[in-house]
Protein backbone atom coordinates (compact mmCIF):
# COMPACT_ATOMS: atom_id res chain seq x y z
CA MET A 1 146.37 52.16 52.41
CA LEU A 2 149.04 53.90 50.28
CA THR A 3 146.97 57.09 50.25
CA ALA A 4 146.81 57.01 54.05
CA PHE A 5 150.60 56.61 54.20
CA GLY A 6 150.97 59.60 51.88
CA ARG A 7 148.69 61.73 54.04
CA ALA A 8 150.60 60.68 57.14
CA PHE A 9 153.84 62.03 55.65
CA LYS A 10 152.12 65.19 54.36
CA THR A 11 151.07 66.12 57.90
CA PRO A 12 154.07 68.00 59.42
CA ASP A 13 153.57 66.93 63.03
CA LEU A 14 152.90 63.28 62.16
CA ARG A 15 155.76 63.20 59.65
CA ARG A 16 158.13 64.51 62.31
CA LYS A 17 157.05 61.80 64.75
CA ILE A 18 157.42 59.02 62.18
CA LEU A 19 160.87 60.20 61.05
CA PHE A 20 162.01 60.55 64.67
CA THR A 21 160.88 56.99 65.39
CA LEU A 22 162.69 55.67 62.30
CA SER A 23 165.90 57.50 63.26
CA ILE A 24 165.89 56.00 66.77
CA ILE A 25 165.26 52.53 65.32
CA THR A 26 168.20 53.03 62.92
CA LEU A 27 170.52 53.98 65.79
CA TYR A 28 169.33 50.95 67.74
CA ARG A 29 170.15 48.59 64.87
CA LEU A 30 173.57 50.21 64.37
CA GLY A 31 174.38 49.74 68.05
CA ALA A 32 173.52 46.05 67.74
CA HIS A 33 176.61 45.61 65.53
CA VAL A 34 179.12 47.61 67.59
CA PRO A 35 181.26 45.10 69.54
CA THR A 36 181.87 45.41 73.26
CA PRO A 37 185.48 46.35 74.25
CA GLY A 38 187.55 43.24 74.84
CA VAL A 39 185.69 41.09 72.29
CA SER A 40 187.30 39.90 69.05
CA TYR A 41 184.64 40.67 66.43
CA PRO A 42 186.10 38.43 63.63
CA LEU A 43 186.25 35.42 65.98
CA VAL A 44 182.66 36.06 67.10
CA GLN A 45 181.50 36.04 63.48
CA GLN A 46 183.27 32.72 62.90
CA CYS A 47 181.57 31.24 65.96
CA ILE A 48 178.13 32.51 64.87
CA SER A 49 178.52 30.98 61.40
CA GLY A 50 178.70 27.51 62.92
CA ALA A 51 176.46 28.10 65.92
CA ASP A 52 173.28 26.23 66.78
CA ASN A 53 171.30 28.35 69.24
CA SER A 54 167.78 27.56 68.12
CA ASN A 55 166.81 26.21 71.52
CA GLY A 56 166.78 27.49 75.04
CA LEU A 57 166.83 30.78 76.84
CA LEU A 58 169.83 32.15 74.94
CA GLY A 59 167.98 31.64 71.67
CA LEU A 60 164.98 33.56 73.02
CA VAL A 61 167.09 36.45 74.32
CA ASN A 62 169.07 36.52 71.08
CA LEU A 63 165.77 36.76 69.18
CA PHE A 64 164.65 39.74 71.29
CA SER A 65 168.01 41.49 70.81
CA GLY A 66 167.96 41.07 67.03
CA GLY A 67 171.05 38.87 67.07
CA ALA A 68 173.05 41.36 69.16
CA LEU A 69 173.40 38.95 72.10
CA LEU A 70 175.56 36.39 70.33
CA GLN A 71 177.60 39.18 68.72
CA LEU A 72 178.39 40.47 72.23
CA SER A 73 177.67 44.02 71.07
CA ILE A 74 177.10 47.06 73.28
CA PHE A 75 173.34 46.41 72.93
CA ALA A 76 173.78 42.67 73.52
CA LEU A 77 171.10 42.47 76.21
CA GLY A 78 168.67 44.55 74.19
CA ILE A 79 165.36 45.29 75.87
CA MET A 80 165.13 41.94 77.67
CA PRO A 81 166.17 43.26 81.13
CA TYR A 82 163.43 45.88 80.91
CA ILE A 83 160.84 43.28 79.91
CA THR A 84 161.87 41.05 82.80
CA ALA A 85 161.81 43.98 85.24
CA SER A 86 158.36 45.08 84.03
CA ILE A 87 156.96 41.57 84.49
CA ILE A 88 158.50 41.25 87.97
CA VAL A 89 157.11 44.63 89.10
CA GLN A 90 153.69 43.73 87.69
CA LEU A 91 153.68 40.43 89.55
CA LEU A 92 154.84 42.10 92.76
CA THR A 93 151.78 44.35 92.76
CA VAL A 94 149.79 41.26 93.75
CA VAL A 95 151.93 40.33 96.76
CA ILE A 96 153.36 43.67 98.01
CA PRO A 97 150.75 46.07 99.47
CA ARG A 98 152.98 49.10 98.79
CA PHE A 99 153.05 48.36 95.06
CA GLU A 100 149.31 47.71 95.01
CA ALA A 101 148.71 51.09 96.68
CA LEU A 102 150.97 52.83 94.13
CA LYS A 103 149.03 51.21 91.30
CA LYS A 104 145.82 52.81 92.61
CA GLU A 105 147.32 56.30 92.98
CA GLY A 106 146.97 57.17 89.31
CA GLN A 107 149.67 59.03 87.40
CA ALA A 108 151.86 59.75 90.44
CA GLY A 109 151.86 56.11 91.49
CA GLN A 110 152.55 54.97 87.92
CA THR A 111 155.55 57.32 87.74
CA LYS A 112 156.95 55.79 90.93
CA MET A 113 156.39 52.25 89.58
CA THR A 114 158.21 53.22 86.38
CA GLN A 115 161.14 54.45 88.46
CA TYR A 116 161.30 51.14 90.34
CA THR A 117 161.22 49.33 86.99
CA ARG A 118 164.19 51.35 85.76
CA TYR A 119 166.25 50.59 88.85
CA LEU A 120 165.44 46.89 88.58
CA THR A 121 166.32 46.96 84.86
CA ILE A 122 169.84 48.22 85.61
CA ALA A 123 170.30 45.61 88.36
CA LEU A 124 169.17 42.83 86.03
CA ALA A 125 171.44 44.19 83.28
CA VAL A 126 174.46 43.90 85.60
CA LEU A 127 173.47 40.33 86.48
CA GLN A 128 172.73 39.25 82.91
CA SER A 129 175.84 40.87 81.43
CA SER A 130 178.02 39.15 84.06
CA THR A 131 176.36 35.83 83.21
CA LEU A 132 176.83 36.38 79.48
CA ILE A 133 180.53 37.20 79.89
CA THR A 134 180.96 34.08 82.04
CA PHE A 135 179.47 32.05 79.18
CA ALA A 136 181.68 33.92 76.70
CA GLN A 137 184.77 32.62 78.52
CA ASN A 138 183.68 29.18 77.30
CA PRO A 139 182.50 30.08 73.77
CA ALA A 140 182.09 26.46 72.63
CA SER A 141 179.13 26.04 75.01
CA LEU A 142 177.76 29.55 74.37
CA PHE A 143 177.53 29.05 70.61
CA ASN A 144 177.08 25.26 70.65
CA ASN A 145 180.04 25.21 68.28
CA PRO A 146 182.94 22.92 69.31
CA ALA A 147 185.26 24.65 66.82
CA CYS A 148 184.79 28.01 68.55
CA THR A 149 187.92 29.26 70.32
CA ASN A 150 188.50 32.06 72.81
CA ILE A 151 186.69 35.22 71.68
CA LEU A 152 187.91 37.55 74.45
CA SER A 153 191.09 39.46 73.67
CA ASN A 154 191.75 39.88 77.39
CA ASP A 155 190.07 38.16 80.32
CA SER A 156 191.54 40.28 83.11
CA VAL A 157 189.29 41.59 85.89
CA VAL A 158 189.52 45.18 84.62
CA THR A 159 188.48 44.16 81.09
CA ILE A 160 185.55 42.10 82.38
CA LEU A 161 184.39 45.02 84.55
CA ILE A 162 184.55 47.32 81.51
CA MET A 163 182.50 44.81 79.49
CA VAL A 164 179.86 44.57 82.24
CA LEU A 165 179.71 48.36 82.51
CA THR A 166 179.43 48.75 78.72
CA MET A 167 176.60 46.24 78.34
CA THR A 168 174.75 47.70 81.34
CA ALA A 169 175.11 51.20 79.91
CA GLY A 170 173.89 49.86 76.56
CA THR A 171 170.75 48.53 78.26
CA GLY A 172 170.19 51.95 79.85
CA VAL A 173 170.55 53.64 76.45
CA VAL A 174 168.11 51.18 74.86
CA MET A 175 165.61 51.85 77.66
CA TRP A 176 166.05 55.61 77.11
CA MET A 177 165.53 55.18 73.35
CA GLY A 178 162.29 53.32 73.96
CA GLU A 179 160.99 56.05 76.26
CA LEU A 180 161.97 58.71 73.71
CA ILE A 181 159.91 56.95 71.03
CA THR A 182 156.93 56.73 73.39
CA ASP A 183 157.15 60.45 74.28
CA LYS A 184 158.10 62.02 70.95
CA GLY A 185 157.43 59.36 68.32
CA ILE A 186 154.67 56.99 67.24
CA GLY A 187 153.68 53.86 69.15
CA ASN A 188 155.05 52.23 72.27
CA GLY A 189 158.84 52.60 72.19
CA MET A 190 159.76 49.38 73.98
CA SER A 191 157.40 47.33 71.81
CA LEU A 192 158.72 48.91 68.62
CA LEU A 193 162.33 48.10 69.56
CA ILE A 194 161.35 44.46 70.13
CA PHE A 195 159.45 44.53 66.82
CA THR A 196 162.57 45.86 65.07
CA SER A 197 164.82 43.23 66.63
CA ILE A 198 162.57 40.35 65.58
CA ALA A 199 161.84 41.73 62.10
CA ALA A 200 165.59 42.13 61.49
CA GLY A 201 165.98 38.34 61.68
CA PHE A 202 163.17 37.54 59.22
CA PRO A 203 165.18 37.79 55.96
CA ALA A 204 168.02 35.59 57.25
CA SER A 205 165.60 32.97 58.64
CA LEU A 206 163.61 32.79 55.41
CA TRP A 207 166.70 32.66 53.21
CA ALA A 208 168.17 29.87 55.35
CA ILE A 209 164.99 27.85 54.74
CA GLN A 210 165.30 28.47 50.99
CA GLN A 211 168.94 27.36 50.98
CA ARG A 212 168.11 24.25 52.98
CA SER A 213 164.85 23.13 51.37
CA GLY A 214 164.57 24.84 47.97
CA TRP A 215 162.13 27.27 46.37
CA ASP A 216 159.04 25.04 46.61
CA VAL A 217 159.21 24.84 50.40
CA PHE A 218 160.16 28.52 50.58
CA ILE A 219 157.10 29.65 48.61
CA GLY A 220 154.89 27.28 50.60
CA ILE A 221 156.14 28.76 53.86
CA ILE A 222 155.53 32.30 52.59
CA LEU A 223 151.92 31.40 51.73
CA MET A 224 151.50 29.69 55.09
CA GLY A 225 152.87 32.83 56.72
CA PHE A 226 150.13 34.98 55.19
CA VAL A 227 147.50 32.53 56.47
CA VAL A 228 148.99 32.48 59.98
CA ILE A 229 149.23 36.29 60.08
CA SER A 230 145.58 36.59 59.01
CA LEU A 231 144.48 34.19 61.75
CA VAL A 232 146.59 35.95 64.37
CA VAL A 233 145.16 39.34 63.39
CA PHE A 234 141.63 37.91 63.59
CA VAL A 235 142.15 36.45 67.07
CA GLU A 236 144.07 39.46 68.41
CA GLN A 237 141.21 41.73 67.36
CA SER A 238 138.54 39.41 68.79
CA GLN A 239 136.90 40.45 72.05
CA ARG A 240 133.80 39.84 74.13
CA ARG A 241 132.01 43.10 74.87
CA ILE A 242 130.06 43.00 78.12
CA PRO A 243 127.47 45.81 78.16
CA VAL A 244 127.48 48.17 81.14
CA GLN A 245 124.70 50.63 81.96
CA TYR A 246 125.23 53.60 84.28
CA ALA A 247 122.24 54.88 86.24
CA LYS A 248 121.39 58.57 86.27
CA ARG A 249 122.38 60.49 89.40
CA MET A 250 121.92 64.10 90.44
CA VAL A 251 124.97 66.05 91.67
CA GLY A 252 123.91 69.59 92.52
CA ARG A 253 121.92 70.78 89.52
CA ARG A 254 123.60 68.47 87.04
CA VAL A 255 122.60 64.99 85.98
CA TYR A 256 125.39 62.44 85.51
CA GLY A 257 125.27 58.91 84.15
CA GLY A 258 122.56 57.37 82.08
CA THR A 259 125.10 56.26 79.50
CA SER A 260 125.83 52.84 78.04
CA THR A 261 129.29 51.41 77.47
CA TYR A 262 130.96 48.01 77.53
CA ILE A 263 133.88 46.11 79.05
CA PRO A 264 136.09 44.67 76.27
CA LEU A 265 137.50 41.26 77.21
CA LYS A 266 140.06 40.15 74.62
CA VAL A 267 140.31 36.50 73.67
CA ASN A 268 144.09 36.72 74.14
CA MET A 269 144.30 38.90 77.25
CA ALA A 270 147.69 37.46 78.28
CA GLY A 271 149.45 38.46 75.07
CA VAL A 272 152.87 36.92 74.54
CA ILE A 273 153.83 36.70 78.24
CA PRO A 274 152.85 32.99 78.70
CA VAL A 275 155.02 32.00 75.74
CA ILE A 276 158.01 33.88 77.20
CA PHE A 277 157.53 32.29 80.62
CA ALA A 278 157.14 28.80 79.13
CA SER A 279 160.22 29.19 76.89
CA SER A 280 162.30 30.39 79.83
CA LEU A 281 161.29 27.49 82.04
CA MET A 282 161.85 24.93 79.28
CA SER A 283 165.44 26.14 78.99
CA LEU A 284 166.25 25.45 82.66
CA PRO A 285 166.56 21.62 82.36
CA MET A 286 168.90 22.07 79.40
CA LEU A 287 171.10 24.47 81.39
CA LEU A 288 171.21 22.08 84.36
CA ALA A 289 172.18 19.20 82.09
CA GLN A 290 174.81 21.34 80.37
CA PHE A 291 176.47 22.23 83.69
CA ASN A 292 176.53 18.54 84.72
CA GLN A 293 177.92 17.09 81.49
CA ARG A 294 181.14 15.13 81.78
CA ALA A 295 183.96 15.34 79.29
CA ASP A 296 184.22 11.54 79.03
CA GLY A 297 180.52 11.22 78.16
CA ASN A 298 179.75 9.12 81.26
CA ASN A 299 176.85 11.30 82.40
CA ALA A 300 174.27 10.66 85.10
CA GLY A 301 171.00 9.04 84.02
CA TRP A 302 168.90 12.17 84.48
CA VAL A 303 171.34 14.18 82.33
CA ASP A 304 171.03 11.71 79.45
CA TRP A 305 167.22 11.70 79.84
CA ILE A 306 167.09 15.51 79.61
CA ASN A 307 169.42 15.50 76.59
CA ALA A 308 167.18 12.94 74.89
CA ASN A 309 163.80 14.54 75.65
CA LEU A 310 164.01 18.20 76.71
CA VAL A 311 166.76 19.79 74.64
CA THR A 312 165.26 20.01 71.15
CA GLY A 313 161.68 20.95 70.33
CA ASP A 314 161.03 17.99 68.01
CA LYS A 315 160.53 15.60 70.97
CA PRO A 316 156.95 14.69 72.09
CA MET A 317 157.84 15.20 75.76
CA TYR A 318 159.16 18.69 75.05
CA MET A 319 156.01 19.64 73.11
CA ALA A 320 153.69 18.28 75.82
CA LEU A 321 155.44 20.16 78.63
CA TYR A 322 155.64 23.31 76.52
CA ILE A 323 151.89 23.26 75.83
CA GLY A 324 151.12 22.54 79.49
CA LEU A 325 153.22 25.47 80.68
CA ILE A 326 151.63 27.85 78.16
CA LEU A 327 148.13 26.85 79.27
CA PHE A 328 149.06 27.25 82.95
CA PHE A 329 150.74 30.64 82.56
CA THR A 330 147.89 31.96 80.41
CA PHE A 331 145.36 31.36 83.18
CA PHE A 332 147.83 32.52 85.84
CA TYR A 333 148.68 35.79 84.11
CA VAL A 334 145.07 36.62 83.27
CA SER A 335 144.07 35.96 86.89
CA ILE A 336 146.59 38.50 88.24
CA THR A 337 146.06 41.19 85.59
CA PHE A 338 142.24 41.25 85.57
CA ASN A 339 140.47 41.26 88.95
CA PRO A 340 136.69 40.72 88.50
CA THR A 341 136.00 41.71 92.13
CA GLU A 342 137.82 45.04 91.71
CA VAL A 343 136.04 45.77 88.43
CA ALA A 344 132.67 44.95 89.99
CA ASP A 345 133.37 47.20 92.99
CA ASN A 346 134.35 50.10 90.73
CA MET A 347 131.19 49.67 88.67
CA LYS A 348 129.05 49.64 91.82
CA LYS A 349 130.86 52.72 93.16
CA TYR A 350 129.96 54.77 90.07
CA GLY A 351 126.44 53.40 89.65
CA GLY A 352 127.20 50.96 86.85
CA PHE A 353 125.65 47.55 86.33
CA ILE A 354 125.46 44.77 83.76
CA PRO A 355 121.86 44.42 82.47
CA GLY A 356 120.26 41.38 84.10
CA ILE A 357 123.06 40.99 86.70
CA ARG A 358 122.91 42.43 90.20
CA ALA A 359 125.73 44.74 91.28
CA GLY A 360 128.44 43.55 93.64
CA ARG A 361 129.27 39.89 94.11
CA PRO A 362 126.94 38.53 91.34
CA THR A 363 128.69 40.87 88.86
CA ALA A 364 132.12 39.65 89.95
CA GLU A 365 131.02 36.01 89.59
CA TYR A 366 129.59 36.69 86.14
CA LEU A 367 132.79 38.45 84.98
CA SER A 368 134.88 35.58 86.33
CA TYR A 369 132.68 33.05 84.50
CA VAL A 370 132.92 34.91 81.18
CA LEU A 371 136.66 35.46 81.60
CA THR A 372 137.28 31.75 82.16
CA ARG A 373 135.27 30.78 79.07
CA ILE A 374 137.22 33.31 76.97
CA THR A 375 140.63 32.36 78.35
CA VAL A 376 140.23 28.68 77.37
CA PRO A 377 140.23 29.32 73.58
CA GLY A 378 142.85 32.06 74.09
CA ALA A 379 145.20 29.60 75.82
CA ILE A 380 144.63 26.96 73.12
CA TYR A 381 145.31 29.58 70.45
CA LEU A 382 148.62 30.54 72.10
CA ALA A 383 149.63 26.88 72.38
CA LEU A 384 148.87 26.21 68.69
CA ILE A 385 150.75 29.30 67.51
CA SER A 386 153.73 28.37 69.68
CA LEU A 387 153.80 24.85 68.22
CA ILE A 388 154.31 26.14 64.67
CA PRO A 389 158.13 26.57 65.04
CA LEU A 390 158.40 23.12 66.67
CA ILE A 391 156.47 21.52 63.81
CA ALA A 392 158.65 23.41 61.33
CA LEU A 393 161.69 21.98 63.12
CA VAL A 394 160.43 18.50 62.24
CA LEU A 395 159.10 19.13 58.72
CA VAL A 396 161.62 21.51 57.14
CA ASP A 397 164.49 21.31 59.64
CA ALA A 398 163.98 24.96 60.60
CA ASN A 399 165.08 26.22 63.98
CA GLN A 400 162.80 27.45 66.75
CA ASN A 401 163.30 31.04 65.60
CA PHE A 402 161.07 30.14 62.65
CA PRO A 403 159.54 33.52 61.71
CA PHE A 404 155.86 32.60 61.22
CA GLY A 405 155.00 31.29 64.65
CA GLY A 406 155.57 31.45 68.37
CA THR A 407 156.84 34.59 70.03
CA SER A 408 157.91 36.21 66.76
CA ILE A 409 154.57 36.37 65.00
CA LEU A 410 152.62 37.33 68.13
CA ILE A 411 154.87 40.33 68.80
CA ILE A 412 155.13 41.37 65.15
CA VAL A 413 151.35 41.36 64.62
CA GLY A 414 150.48 42.81 68.03
CA VAL A 415 152.92 45.72 67.81
CA GLY A 416 152.06 46.32 64.16
CA LEU A 417 148.34 46.58 64.89
CA GLU A 418 148.89 48.88 67.87
CA THR A 419 151.17 51.21 65.89
CA VAL A 420 148.77 51.38 62.92
CA LYS A 421 145.91 52.23 65.30
CA GLN A 422 147.91 55.11 66.78
CA ILE A 423 148.74 56.49 63.33
CA GLU A 424 145.08 56.10 62.36
CA ALA A 425 143.99 58.02 65.45
CA GLN A 426 146.37 60.85 64.53
CA LEU A 427 144.98 60.94 60.98
CA GLN A 428 141.38 60.97 62.17
CA GLN A 429 142.14 63.91 64.48
CA ARG A 430 143.06 65.81 61.33
CA HIS A 431 139.89 64.66 59.50
CA TYR A 432 141.66 62.13 57.30
CA GLU A 433 140.61 58.56 56.63
CA GLY A 434 142.69 56.00 58.50
CA PHE A 435 144.27 52.71 57.45
CA LEU A 436 141.48 50.46 58.76
CA ARG A 437 138.51 52.21 57.10
């Protein structure tokens, strides 16, 4: 492994790409600590020190921004608007014929879809930054810290417009940085920025556990983390390979086909998307209850019920609904991202078939059957991994940003594996041994 790293840095082209990626990541982390104009940075730090944002949508967005959200920095929104825009555009390809046609047009259509995603990202950034500033005008509710006072130095219309413009521009810069890494660096730029944001919170989360529970629990959690990472790597690499045979066909004087390949169906085809969807939906009841709270404490019955059952992750009702949503969104997302009928039609068009299965409709039914059987353990795996932070909340009083579980570990391992594979491919092109051999 260390030898492979040395060879990677000895190769001029690969070294340049790695150093470029690291420099962009450094700039991204520096921007996460530059405050937005109109925000009192010392007061924000005081509010953060007593904040409790382990639950809800703000906690998730703050995790993805590497803590920049609650610091109200110029990169406060991070890459979250782009992720949301990408998911929306991907879902719209199922219901809008124009988007579906663009998806089938190859590189030109993909370029157009990327442009739509960028426009939607800026629109979402304007909306989310306006919402965040509205919350910032009531910092006690934003930070869940009653002692938090006004953190805005000036709440005039002009100042608020400047803050919205700054945060929106910051989102555009972050999006540009991610695309620069993809084009000139190593790995997928957007994924690496998310990886960096989450990894930046690991030391603080682990040290907080040590301060709260002592060295014995800290060492136990570290050992558990290695076990969880090993299991996640094993499952993320697991796939069902469906063999495909292509018949020989004569085109002019040349013979095409006659080759064997396979369709790789991953156990976790949905990735981390179901967890993000489920976390977002679970935060909605808490937001509704928060907006309907009364100062005198005489709340409506449904508000008290939500506060008692759906606010913190250590409640059985919260865990049950969370698991149910993850299972539902796993099947839903897989069903819209992998179309067995389309795959079967493409195979039939190019003379491909699965040995023992007739082309056309029988192939589509077989692929659907196999996909369902694979998605079941994949959905259960996602639910179990997502429960780890909730269990930690009960056992060691850790928050839901517990590093070894849920969204954090899935993104860290997934992006890490993908980046290592790309570096390995670069090394193998230059006749070097990779990391995984």
